[in-house]
Structure formats: structure tokens, C-alpha cells
Amino acid sequence: MDNPVPRILKTPILAMYHDDKHENLTLEVELPDVESEHITLVMHENSFYLKAFSNTVEYLGSFFLDGPVDPEKAIAVNNKGMLTIKVPYKECFLCARNIPID
């Protein structure tokens, strides 16, 4: 039976960070009340697409990554509505530099 109440469309909250050696990227995506079987994740070298839903909310987003990654080696785990994706970079960040803040 279809839900008579339409789902609210939202962009998920995302945290993106790399490890200290700049070898791996971690993405944390908040998907409250979403079961793993209701998540579609498509990862490219420089971006990823996510579609997920619960009974009341549909999450949708396409996001750029901060460097080229190897999507074939990506691992994704949904733990009680926190989707964690870990993926190695294709190459370390050799051209990145720290910018001093005044």
C-alpha cells in the first residue's frame, strides 16, 4: 500500500575528510531511519551520487570529491542511519598546500 503522505525531499548532511597521510578519503552521510536496502550509491573518480529514503524523507544528492579516488576500492557501511564510505585516493596530494589564516 502506498504511503498517503508524500516524502519530504532533502539533501543529506555530509562530512568529508582525509587521513593524516592523505591516502584515504572518508565520507559520513547522515541518513536517519534509512535501511541499507533503501540506499543507492554510485561513486565515480571525482564525485558520487546518493539516493535514499525512509518512510517520511527522501534524500538525494550529487557531490564532488576533493581529489580523484579509486571507486573500485570503496567500502560503504550503514550503521543506524550513518552511512560511512571509505575510499583510497588514486594519488596522494602533492600539489596541496596549507594556507595561513590571519
PDB file of N, CA and C in Angstrom:
ATOM      1  N   MET A   1       0.854  -1.187   0.000  1.00  0.00           N
ATOM      2  CA  MET A   1       0.000   0.000   0.000  1.00  0.00           C
ATOM      3  C   MET A   1       0.891   1.239   0.000  1.00  0.00           C
ATOM      4  N   ASP A   2       0.569   2.201  -0.844  1.00  0.00           N
ATOM      5  CA  ASP A   2       1.330   3.439  -0.921  1.00  0.00           C
ATOM      6  C   ASP A   2       1.081   4.316   0.294  1.00  0.00           C
ATOM      7  N   ASN A   3       2.125   5.034   0.671  1.00  0.00           N
ATOM      8  CA  ASN A   3       2.035   5.961   1.791  1.00  0.00           C
ATOM      9  C   ASN A   3       1.243   7.185   1.330  1.00  0.00           C
ATOM     10  N   PRO A   4       0.122   7.538   2.015  1.00  0.00           N
ATOM     11  CA  PRO A   4      -0.674   8.697   1.595  1.00  0.00           C
ATOM     12  C   PRO A   4       0.024  10.032   1.833  1.00  0.00           C
ATOM     13  N   VAL A   5       1.040  10.044   2.697  1.00  0.00           N
ATOM     14  CA  VAL A   5       1.778  11.272   2.981  1.00  0.00           C
ATOM     15  C   VAL A   5       3.018  11.285   2.090  1.00  0.00           C
ATOM     16  N   PRO A   6       3.186  12.322   1.261  1.00  0.00           N
ATOM     17  CA  PRO A   6       4.373  12.357   0.399  1.00  0.00           C
ATOM     18  C   PRO A   6       5.646  12.533   1.220  1.00  0.00           C
ATOM     19  N   ARG A   7       6.719  11.958   0.725  1.00  0.00           N
ATOM     20  CA  ARG A   7       8.014  12.104   1.392  1.00  0.00           C
ATOM     21  C   ARG A   7       8.560  13.510   1.185  1.00  0.00           C
ATOM     22  N   ILE A   8       9.255  14.000   2.195  1.00  0.00           N
ATOM     23  CA  ILE A   8       9.953  15.279   2.112  1.00  0.00           C
ATOM     24  C   ILE A   8      11.277  15.027   1.408  1.00  0.00           C
ATOM     25  N   LEU A   9      11.644  15.859   0.450  1.00  0.00           N
ATOM     26  CA  LEU A   9      12.901  15.721  -0.267  1.00  0.00           C
ATOM     27  C   LEU A   9      13.973  16.563   0.425  1.00  0.00           C
ATOM     28  N   LYS A  10      15.116  15.932   0.777  1.00  0.00           N
ATOM     29  CA  LYS A  10      16.195  16.633   1.480  1.00  0.00           C
ATOM     30  C   LYS A  10      17.538  16.277   0.877  1.00  0.00           C
ATOM     31  N   THR A  11      18.473  17.194   1.002  1.00  0.00           N
ATOM     32  CA  THR A  11      19.877  16.906   0.713  1.00  0.00           C
ATOM     33  C   THR A  11      20.493  16.426   2.015  1.00  0.00           C
ATOM     34  N   PRO A  12      21.188  15.286   2.004  1.00  0.00           N
ATOM     35  CA  PRO A  12      21.747  14.780   3.259  1.00  0.00           C
ATOM     36  C   PRO A  12      22.914  15.630   3.753  1.00  0.00           C
ATOM     37  N   ILE A  13      23.123  15.597   5.066  1.00  0.00           N
ATOM     38  CA  ILE A  13      24.270  16.264   5.679  1.00  0.00           C
ATOM     39  C   ILE A  13      25.487  15.380   5.460  1.00  0.00           C
ATOM     40  N   LEU A  14      26.582  15.995   5.011  1.00  0.00           N
ATOM     41  CA  LEU A  14      27.773  15.248   4.622  1.00  0.00           C
ATOM     42  C   LEU A  14      29.014  15.817   5.291  1.00  0.00           C
ATOM     43  N   ALA A  15      29.853  14.933   5.825  1.00  0.00           N
ATOM     44  CA  ALA A  15      31.188  15.306   6.300  1.00  0.00           C
ATOM     45  C   ALA A  15      32.188  14.554   5.432  1.00  0.00           C
ATOM     46  N   MET A  16      33.224  15.264   4.968  1.00  0.00           N
ATOM     47  CA  MET A  16      34.230  14.669   4.097  1.00  0.00           C
ATOM     48  C   MET A  16      35.601  15.037   4.649  1.00  0.00           C
ATOM     49  N   TYR A  17      36.453  14.029   4.877  1.00  0.00           N
ATOM     50  CA  TYR A  17      37.790  14.307   5.402  1.00  0.00           C
ATOM     51  C   TYR A  17      38.757  13.210   4.985  1.00  0.00           C
ATOM     52  N   HIS A  18      40.049  13.554   4.971  1.00  0.00           N
ATOM     53  CA  HIS A  18      41.086  12.598   4.597  1.00  0.00           C
ATOM     54  C   HIS A  18      41.904  12.240   5.835  1.00  0.00           C
ATOM     55  N   ASP A  19      42.642  11.144   5.715  1.00  0.00           N
ATOM     56  CA  ASP A  19      43.507  10.746   6.827  1.00  0.00           C
ATOM     57  C   ASP A  19      44.774  11.601   6.841  1.00  0.00           C
ATOM     58  N   ASP A  20      45.598  11.426   7.860  1.00  0.00           N
ATOM     59  CA  ASP A  20      46.790  12.255   8.036  1.00  0.00           C
ATOM     60  C   ASP A  20      47.814  12.089   6.915  1.00  0.00           C
ATOM     61  N   LYS A  21      47.820  10.940   6.282  1.00  0.00           N
ATOM     62  CA  LYS A  21      48.782  10.690   5.206  1.00  0.00           C
ATOM     63  C   LYS A  21      48.225  11.060   3.822  1.00  0.00           C
ATOM     64  N   HIS A  22      47.007  11.557   3.773  1.00  0.00           N
ATOM     65  CA  HIS A  22      46.344  11.933   2.517  1.00  0.00           C
ATOM     66  C   HIS A  22      46.228  10.738   1.563  1.00  0.00           C
ATOM     67  N   GLU A  23      46.018   9.553   2.125  1.00  0.00           N
ATOM     68  CA  GLU A  23      45.897   8.352   1.307  1.00  0.00           C
ATOM     69  C   GLU A  23      44.460   7.898   1.129  1.00  0.00           C
ATOM     70  N   ASN A  24      43.592   8.188   2.108  1.00  0.00           N
ATOM     71  CA  ASN A  24      42.208   7.711   2.079  1.00  0.00           C
ATOM     72  C   ASN A  24      41.238   8.840   2.388  1.00  0.00           C
ATOM     73  N   LEU A  25      40.098   8.777   1.748  1.00  0.00           N
ATOM     74  CA  LEU A  25      39.020   9.741   1.967  1.00  0.00           C
ATOM     75  C   LEU A  25      37.891   9.044   2.712  1.00  0.00           C
ATOM     76  N   THR A  26      37.344   9.717   3.715  1.00  0.00           N
ATOM     77  CA  THR A  26      36.179   9.204   4.441  1.00  0.00           C
ATOM     78  C   THR A  26      35.035  10.182   4.246  1.00  0.00           C
ATOM     79  N   LEU A  27      33.865   9.633   3.946  1.00  0.00           N
ATOM     80  CA  LEU A  27      32.636  10.408   3.791  1.00  0.00           C
ATOM     81  C   LEU A  27      31.643   9.884   4.817  1.00  0.00           C
ATOM     82  N   GLU A  28      31.042  10.772   5.578  1.00  0.00           N
ATOM     83  CA  GLU A  28      29.996  10.390   6.519  1.00  0.00           C
ATOM     84  C   GLU A  28      28.722  11.113   6.112  1.00  0.00           C
ATOM     85  N   VAL A  29      27.678  10.341   5.849  1.00  0.00           N
ATOM     86  CA  VAL A  29      26.419  10.882   5.361  1.00  0.00           C
ATOM     87  C   VAL A  29      25.315  10.531   6.356  1.00  0.00           C
ATOM     88  N   GLU A  30      24.635  11.553   6.871  1.00  0.00           N
ATOM     89  CA  GLU A  30      23.543  11.328   7.820  1.00  0.00           C
ATOM     90  C   GLU A  30      22.276  10.950   7.065  1.00  0.00           C
ATOM     91  N   LEU A  31      21.767   9.743   7.351  1.00  0.00           N
ATOM     92  CA  LEU A  31      20.539   9.239   6.740  1.00  0.00           C
ATOM     93  C   LEU A  31      19.648   8.636   7.829  1.00  0.00           C
ATOM     94  N   PRO A  32      19.071   9.475   8.697  1.00  0.00           N
ATOM     95  CA  PRO A  32      18.279   8.959   9.809  1.00  0.00           C
ATOM     96  C   PRO A  32      17.144   8.045   9.347  1.00  0.00           C
ATOM     97  N   ASP A  33      17.007   6.911  10.026  1.00  0.00           N
ATOM     98  CA  ASP A  33      15.919   5.951   9.805  1.00  0.00           C
ATOM     99  C   ASP A  33      15.935   5.284   8.433  1.00  0.00           C
ATOM    100  N   VAL A  34      17.056   5.337   7.714  1.00  0.00           N
ATOM    101  CA  VAL A  34      17.141   4.720   6.393  1.00  0.00           C
ATOM    102  C   VAL A  34      17.799   3.347   6.519  1.00  0.00           C
ATOM    103  N   GLU A  35      17.137   2.333   5.994  1.00  0.00           N
ATOM    104  CA  GLU A  35      17.673   0.976   5.968  1.00  0.00           C
ATOM    105  C   GLU A  35      18.630   0.833   4.785  1.00  0.00           C
ATOM    106  N   SER A  36      19.607  -0.048   4.919  1.00  0.00           N
ATOM    107  CA  SER A  36      20.634  -0.227   3.881  1.00  0.00           C
ATOM    108  C   SER A  36      20.044  -0.556   2.515  1.00  0.00           C
ATOM    109  N   GLU A  37      18.984  -1.353   2.491  1.00  0.00           N
ATOM    110  CA  GLU A  37      18.386  -1.736   1.206  1.00  0.00           C
ATOM    111  C   GLU A  37      17.678  -0.579   0.497  1.00  0.00           C
ATOM    112  N   HIS A  38      17.533   0.558   1.169  1.00  0.00           N
ATOM    113  CA  HIS A  38      16.894   1.735   0.578  1.00  0.00           C
ATOM    114  C   HIS A  38      17.911   2.807   0.184  1.00  0.00           C
ATOM    115  N   ILE A  39      19.180   2.401   0.044  1.00  0.00           N
ATOM    116  CA  ILE A  39      20.244   3.338  -0.327  1.00  0.00           C
ATOM    117  C   ILE A  39      20.811   2.948  -1.683  1.00  0.00           C
ATOM    118  N   THR A  40      20.890   3.925  -2.573  1.00  0.00           N
ATOM    119  CA  THR A  40      21.576   3.756  -3.855  1.00  0.00           C
ATOM    120  C   THR A  40      22.787   4.671  -3.832  1.00  0.00           C
ATOM    121  N   LEU A  41      23.971   4.094  -4.036  1.00  0.00           N
ATOM    122  CA  LEU A  41      25.216   4.846  -4.010  1.00  0.00           C
ATOM    123  C   LEU A  41      25.986   4.532  -5.283  1.00  0.00           C
ATOM    124  N   VAL A  42      26.310   5.577  -6.047  1.00  0.00           N
ATOM    125  CA  VAL A  42      27.098   5.435  -7.267  1.00  0.00           C
ATOM    126  C   VAL A  42      28.316   6.336  -7.125  1.00  0.00           C
ATOM    127  N   MET A  43      29.499   5.740  -7.166  1.00  0.00           N
ATOM    128  CA  MET A  43      30.722   6.515  -6.970  1.00  0.00           C
ATOM    129  C   MET A  43      31.535   6.550  -8.250  1.00  0.00           C
ATOM    130  N   HIS A  44      32.006   7.732  -8.572  1.00  0.00           N
ATOM    131  CA  HIS A  44      32.887   7.965  -9.705  1.00  0.00           C
ATOM    132  C   HIS A  44      34.257   8.381  -9.172  1.00  0.00           C
ATOM    133  N   GLU A  45      35.180   8.612 -10.054  1.00  0.00           N
ATOM    134  CA  GLU A  45      36.526   9.020  -9.666  1.00  0.00           C
ATOM    135  C   GLU A  45      36.542  10.362  -8.930  1.00  0.00           C
ATOM    136  N   ASN A  46      35.650  11.267  -9.308  1.00  0.00           N
ATOM    137  CA  ASN A  46      35.685  12.615  -8.724  1.00  0.00           C
ATOM    138  C   ASN A  46      34.353  13.064  -8.114  1.00  0.00           C
ATOM    139  N   SER A  47      33.382  12.154  -8.004  1.00  0.00           N
ATOM    140  CA  SER A  47      32.083  12.528  -7.449  1.00  0.00           C
ATOM    141  C   SER A  47      31.322  11.281  -7.017  1.00  0.00           C
ATOM    142  N   PHE A  48      30.202  11.515  -6.328  1.00  0.00           N
ATOM    143  CA  PHE A  48      29.306  10.396  -6.041  1.00  0.00           C
ATOM    144  C   PHE A  48      27.866  10.893  -6.011  1.00  0.00           C
ATOM    145  N   TYR A  49      26.962   9.956  -6.282  1.00  0.00           N
ATOM    146  CA  TYR A  49      25.524  10.205  -6.311  1.00  0.00           C
ATOM    147  C   TYR A  49      24.888   9.325  -5.249  1.00  0.00           C
ATOM    148  N   LEU A  50      23.943   9.895  -4.502  1.00  0.00           N
ATOM    149  CA  LEU A  50      23.277   9.162  -3.442  1.00  0.00           C
ATOM    150  C   LEU A  50      21.774   9.405  -3.505  1.00  0.00           C
ATOM    151  N   LYS A  51      21.012   8.323  -3.390  1.00  0.00           N
ATOM    152  CA  LYS A  51      19.562   8.411  -3.270  1.00  0.00           C
ATOM    153  C   LYS A  51      19.172   7.415  -2.190  1.00  0.00           C
ATOM    154  N   ALA A  52      18.386   7.863  -1.220  1.00  0.00           N
ATOM    155  CA  ALA A  52      17.979   7.009  -0.106  1.00  0.00           C
ATOM    156  C   ALA A  52      16.615   7.484   0.396  1.00  0.00           C
ATOM    157  N   PHE A  53      15.899   6.579   1.065  1.00  0.00           N
ATOM    158  CA  PHE A  53      14.604   7.001   1.591  1.00  0.00           C
ATOM    159  C   PHE A  53      14.231   6.231   2.851  1.00  0.00           C
ATOM    160  N   SER A  54      13.444   6.923   3.681  1.00  0.00           N
ATOM    161  CA  SER A  54      12.795   6.315   4.837  1.00  0.00           C
ATOM    162  C   SER A  54      11.290   6.429   4.582  1.00  0.00           C
ATOM    163  N   ASN A  55      10.496   6.211   5.601  1.00  0.00           N
ATOM    164  CA  ASN A  55       9.038   6.315   5.413  1.00  0.00           C
ATOM    165  C   ASN A  55       8.583   7.738   5.109  1.00  0.00           C
ATOM    166  N   THR A  56       9.304   8.740   5.627  1.00  0.00           N
ATOM    167  CA  THR A  56       8.845  10.123   5.508  1.00  0.00           C
ATOM    168  C   THR A  56       9.769  11.039   4.725  1.00  0.00           C
ATOM    169  N   VAL A  57      11.027  10.615   4.501  1.00  0.00           N
ATOM    170  CA  VAL A  57      12.019  11.501   3.875  1.00  0.00           C
ATOM    171  C   VAL A  57      12.718  10.777   2.733  1.00  0.00           C
ATOM    172  N   GLU A  58      12.948  11.520   1.642  1.00  0.00           N
ATOM    173  CA  GLU A  58      13.786  11.021   0.558  1.00  0.00           C
ATOM    174  C   GLU A  58      15.018  11.919   0.488  1.00  0.00           C
ATOM    175  N   TYR A  59      16.195  11.306   0.533  1.00  0.00           N
ATOM    176  CA  TYR A  59      17.468  12.022   0.471  1.00  0.00           C
ATOM    177  C   TYR A  59      18.031  11.868  -0.927  1.00  0.00           C
ATOM    178  N   LEU A  60      18.520  12.977  -1.468  1.00  0.00           N
ATOM    179  CA  LEU A  60      19.023  12.962  -2.829  1.00  0.00           C
ATOM    180  C   LEU A  60      20.163  13.958  -2.936  1.00  0.00           C
ATOM    181  N   GLY A  61      21.257  13.540  -3.572  1.00  0.00           N
ATOM    182  CA  GLY A  61      22.361  14.469  -3.742  1.00  0.00           C
ATOM    183  C   GLY A  61      23.438  13.918  -4.649  1.00  0.00           C
ATOM    184  N   SER A  62      24.156  14.836  -5.261  1.00  0.00           N
ATOM    185  CA  SER A  62      25.319  14.523  -6.075  1.00  0.00           C
ATOM    186  C   SER A  62      26.427  15.450  -5.587  1.00  0.00           C
ATOM    187  N   PHE A  63      27.594  14.890  -5.262  1.00  0.00           N
ATOM    188  CA  PHE A  63      28.631  15.640  -4.584  1.00  0.00           C
ATOM    189  C   PHE A  63      29.978  15.454  -5.260  1.00  0.00           C
ATOM    190  N   PHE A  64      30.761  16.526  -5.346  1.00  0.00           N
ATOM    191  CA  PHE A  64      32.128  16.439  -5.850  1.00  0.00           C
ATOM    192  C   PHE A  64      33.048  16.044  -4.716  1.00  0.00           C
ATOM    193  N   LEU A  65      34.091  15.276  -5.045  1.00  0.00           N
ATOM    194  CA  LEU A  65      35.101  14.878  -4.072  1.00  0.00           C
ATOM    195  C   LEU A  65      36.290  15.818  -4.175  1.00  0.00           C
ATOM    196  N   ASP A  66      37.167  15.811  -3.172  1.00  0.00           N
ATOM    197  CA  ASP A  66      38.281  16.758  -3.151  1.00  0.00           C
ATOM    198  C   ASP A  66      39.517  16.256  -3.891  1.00  0.00           C
ATOM    199  N   GLY A  67      39.423  15.133  -4.544  1.00  0.00           N
ATOM    200  CA  GLY A  67      40.517  14.597  -5.341  1.00  0.00           C
ATOM    201  C   GLY A  67      40.087  13.294  -5.977  1.00  0.00           C
ATOM    202  N   PRO A  68      40.816  12.822  -6.970  1.00  0.00           N
ATOM    203  CA  PRO A  68      40.428  11.571  -7.635  1.00  0.00           C
ATOM    204  C   PRO A  68      40.614  10.367  -6.715  1.00  0.00           C
ATOM    205  N   VAL A  69      39.589   9.515  -6.653  1.00  0.00           N
ATOM    206  CA  VAL A  69      39.608   8.320  -5.818  1.00  0.00           C
ATOM    207  C   VAL A  69      39.479   7.076  -6.702  1.00  0.00           C
ATOM    208  N   ASP A  70      39.677   5.916  -6.096  1.00  0.00           N
ATOM    209  CA  ASP A  70      39.514   4.643  -6.792  1.00  0.00           C
ATOM    210  C   ASP A  70      38.172   4.036  -6.381  1.00  0.00           C
ATOM    211  N   PRO A  71      37.099   4.262  -7.142  1.00  0.00           N
ATOM    212  CA  PRO A  71      35.770   3.796  -6.737  1.00  0.00           C
ATOM    213  C   PRO A  71      35.667   2.273  -6.626  1.00  0.00           C
ATOM    214  N   GLU A  72      36.538   1.548  -7.320  1.00  0.00           N
ATOM    215  CA  GLU A  72      36.525   0.081  -7.245  1.00  0.00           C
ATOM    216  C   GLU A  72      36.905  -0.417  -5.851  1.00  0.00           C
ATOM    217  N   LYS A  73      37.585   0.407  -5.061  1.00  0.00           N
ATOM    218  CA  LYS A  73      38.041   0.014  -3.727  1.00  0.00           C
ATOM    219  C   LYS A  73      37.218   0.648  -2.610  1.00  0.00           C
ATOM    220  N   ALA A  74      36.118   1.302  -2.958  1.00  0.00           N
ATOM    221  CA  ALA A  74      35.268   1.956  -1.955  1.00  0.00           C
ATOM    222  C   ALA A  74      34.542   0.916  -1.103  1.00  0.00           C
ATOM    223  N   ILE A  75      34.402   1.245   0.179  1.00  0.00           N
ATOM    224  CA  ILE A  75      33.655   0.418   1.133  1.00  0.00           C
ATOM    225  C   ILE A  75      32.619   1.320   1.790  1.00  0.00           C
ATOM    226  N   ALA A  76      31.362   0.853   1.831  1.00  0.00           N
ATOM    227  CA  ALA A  76      30.285   1.639   2.437  1.00  0.00           C
ATOM    228  C   ALA A  76      29.567   0.796   3.487  1.00  0.00           C
ATOM    229  N   VAL A  77      29.328   1.407   4.666  1.00  0.00           N
ATOM    230  CA  VAL A  77      28.644   0.734   5.762  1.00  0.00           C
ATOM    231  C   VAL A  77      27.581   1.679   6.314  1.00  0.00           C
ATOM    232  N   ASN A  78      26.356   1.180   6.453  1.00  0.00           N
ATOM    233  CA  ASN A  78      25.277   1.946   7.064  1.00  0.00           C
ATOM    234  C   ASN A  78      25.096   1.449   8.493  1.00  0.00           C
ATOM    235  N   ASN A  79      25.335   2.329   9.464  1.00  0.00           N
ATOM    236  CA  ASN A  79      25.212   1.976  10.873  1.00  0.00           C
ATOM    237  C   ASN A  79      24.189   2.881  11.535  1.00  0.00           C
ATOM    238  N   LYS A  80      22.960   2.407  11.628  1.00  0.00           N
ATOM    239  CA  LYS A  80      21.877   3.134  12.300  1.00  0.00           C
ATOM    240  C   LYS A  80      21.678   4.529  11.717  1.00  0.00           C
ATOM    241  N   GLY A  81      21.700   4.645  10.390  1.00  0.00           N
ATOM    242  CA  GLY A  81      21.449   5.922   9.752  1.00  0.00           C
ATOM    243  C   GLY A  81      22.666   6.786   9.510  1.00  0.00           C
ATOM    244  N   MET A  82      23.862   6.266   9.797  1.00  0.00           N
ATOM    245  CA  MET A  82      25.097   6.981   9.458  1.00  0.00           C
ATOM    246  C   MET A  82      25.833   6.140   8.420  1.00  0.00           C
ATOM    247  N   LEU A  83      25.784   6.599   7.185  1.00  0.00           N
ATOM    248  CA  LEU A  83      26.459   5.912   6.093  1.00  0.00           C
ATOM    249  C   LEU A  83      27.905   6.391   6.062  1.00  0.00           C
ATOM    250  N   THR A  84      28.849   5.456   6.225  1.00  0.00           N
ATOM    251  CA  THR A  84      30.269   5.790   6.186  1.00  0.00           C
ATOM    252  C   THR A  84      30.880   5.135   4.964  1.00  0.00           C
ATOM    253  N   ILE A  85      31.519   5.956   4.130  1.00  0.00           N
ATOM    254  CA  ILE A  85      32.158   5.486   2.905  1.00  0.00           C
ATOM    255  C   ILE A  85      33.646   5.763   3.041  1.00  0.00           C
ATOM    256  N   LYS A  86      34.456   4.740   2.826  1.00  0.00           N
ATOM    257  CA  LYS A  86      35.914   4.900   2.848  1.00  0.00           C
ATOM    258  C   LYS A  86      36.441   4.474   1.490  1.00  0.00           C
ATOM    259  N   VAL A  87      37.294   5.331   0.925  1.00  0.00           N
ATOM    260  CA  VAL A  87      37.818   5.071  -0.413  1.00  0.00           C
ATOM    261  C   VAL A  87      39.233   5.641  -0.510  1.00  0.00           C
ATOM    262  N   PRO A  88      40.158   4.899  -1.122  1.00  0.00           N
ATOM    263  CA  PRO A  88      41.517   5.425  -1.260  1.00  0.00           C
ATOM    264  C   PRO A  88      41.616   6.426  -2.412  1.00  0.00           C
ATOM    265  N   TYR A  89      42.487   7.411  -2.227  1.00  0.00           N
ATOM    266  CA  TYR A  89      42.792   8.327  -3.320  1.00  0.00           C
ATOM    267  C   TYR A  89      43.597   7.581  -4.379  1.00  0.00           C
ATOM    268  N   LYS A  90      43.495   8.036  -5.617  1.00  0.00           N
ATOM    269  CA  LYS A  90      44.322   7.452  -6.677  1.00  0.00           C
ATOM    270  C   LYS A  90      45.783   7.839  -6.496  1.00  0.00           C
ATOM    271  N   GLU A  91      46.017   9.069  -6.073  1.00  0.00           N
ATOM    272  CA  GLU A  91      47.367   9.562  -5.817  1.00  0.00           C
ATOM    273  C   GLU A  91      47.318  10.463  -4.600  1.00  0.00           C
ATOM    274  N   CYS A  92      48.437  10.558  -3.898  1.00  0.00           N
ATOM    275  CA  CYS A  92      48.500  11.460  -2.737  1.00  0.00           C
ATOM    276  C   CYS A  92      48.442  12.913  -3.203  1.00  0.00           C
ATOM    277  N   PHE A  93      48.098  13.796  -2.285  1.00  0.00           N
ATOM    278  CA  PHE A  93      48.022  15.212  -2.591  1.00  0.00           C
ATOM    279  C   PHE A  93      49.418  15.826  -2.566  1.00  0.00           C
ATOM    280  N   LEU A  94      50.037  15.918  -3.707  1.00  0.00           N
ATOM    281  CA  LEU A  94      51.363  16.527  -3.776  1.00  0.00           C
ATOM    282  C   LEU A  94      51.277  18.023  -4.043  1.00  0.00           C
ATOM    283  N   CYS A  95      50.184  18.452  -4.654  1.00  0.00           N
ATOM    284  CA  CYS A  95      50.077  19.864  -5.020  1.00  0.00           C
ATOM    285  C   CYS A  95      49.318  20.681  -3.970  1.00  0.00           C
ATOM    286  N   ALA A  96      48.773  20.035  -2.941  1.00  0.00           N
ATOM    287  CA  ALA A  96      48.029  20.769  -1.928  1.00  0.00           C
ATOM    288  C   ALA A  96      48.988  21.499  -0.996  1.00  0.00           C
ATOM    289  N   ARG A  97      48.541  22.631  -0.479  1.00  0.00           N
ATOM    290  CA  ARG A  97      49.364  23.349   0.482  1.00  0.00           C
ATOM    291  C   ARG A  97      48.475  23.966   1.538  1.00  0.00           C
ATOM    292  N   ASN A  98      49.027  24.142   2.730  1.00  0.00           N
ATOM    293  CA  ASN A  98      48.299  24.771   3.822  1.00  0.00           C
ATOM    294  C   ASN A  98      48.321  26.278   3.614  1.00  0.00           C
ATOM    295  N   ILE A  99      47.210  26.919   3.886  1.00  0.00           N
ATOM    296  CA  ILE A  99      47.071  28.376   3.746  1.00  0.00           C
ATOM    297  C   ILE A  99      47.004  28.978   5.142  1.00  0.00           C
ATOM    298  N   PRO A 100      47.903  29.909   5.481  1.00  0.00           N
ATOM    299  CA  PRO A 100      47.856  30.522   6.805  1.00  0.00           C
ATOM    300  C   PRO A 100      46.592  31.389   6.972  1.00  0.00           C
ATOM    301  N   ILE A 101      46.064  31.381   8.153  1.00  0.00           N
ATOM    302  CA  ILE A 101      44.858  32.158   8.467  1.00  0.00           C
ATOM    303  C   ILE A 101      45.264  33.312   9.370  1.00  0.00           C
ATOM    304  N   ASP A 102      44.920  34.539   8.977  1.00  0.00           N
ATOM    305  CA  ASP A 102      45.220  35.722   9.781  1.00  0.00           C
ATOM    306  C   ASP A 102      44.169  35.920  10.850  1.00  0.00           C
TER     307      ASP A 102
END
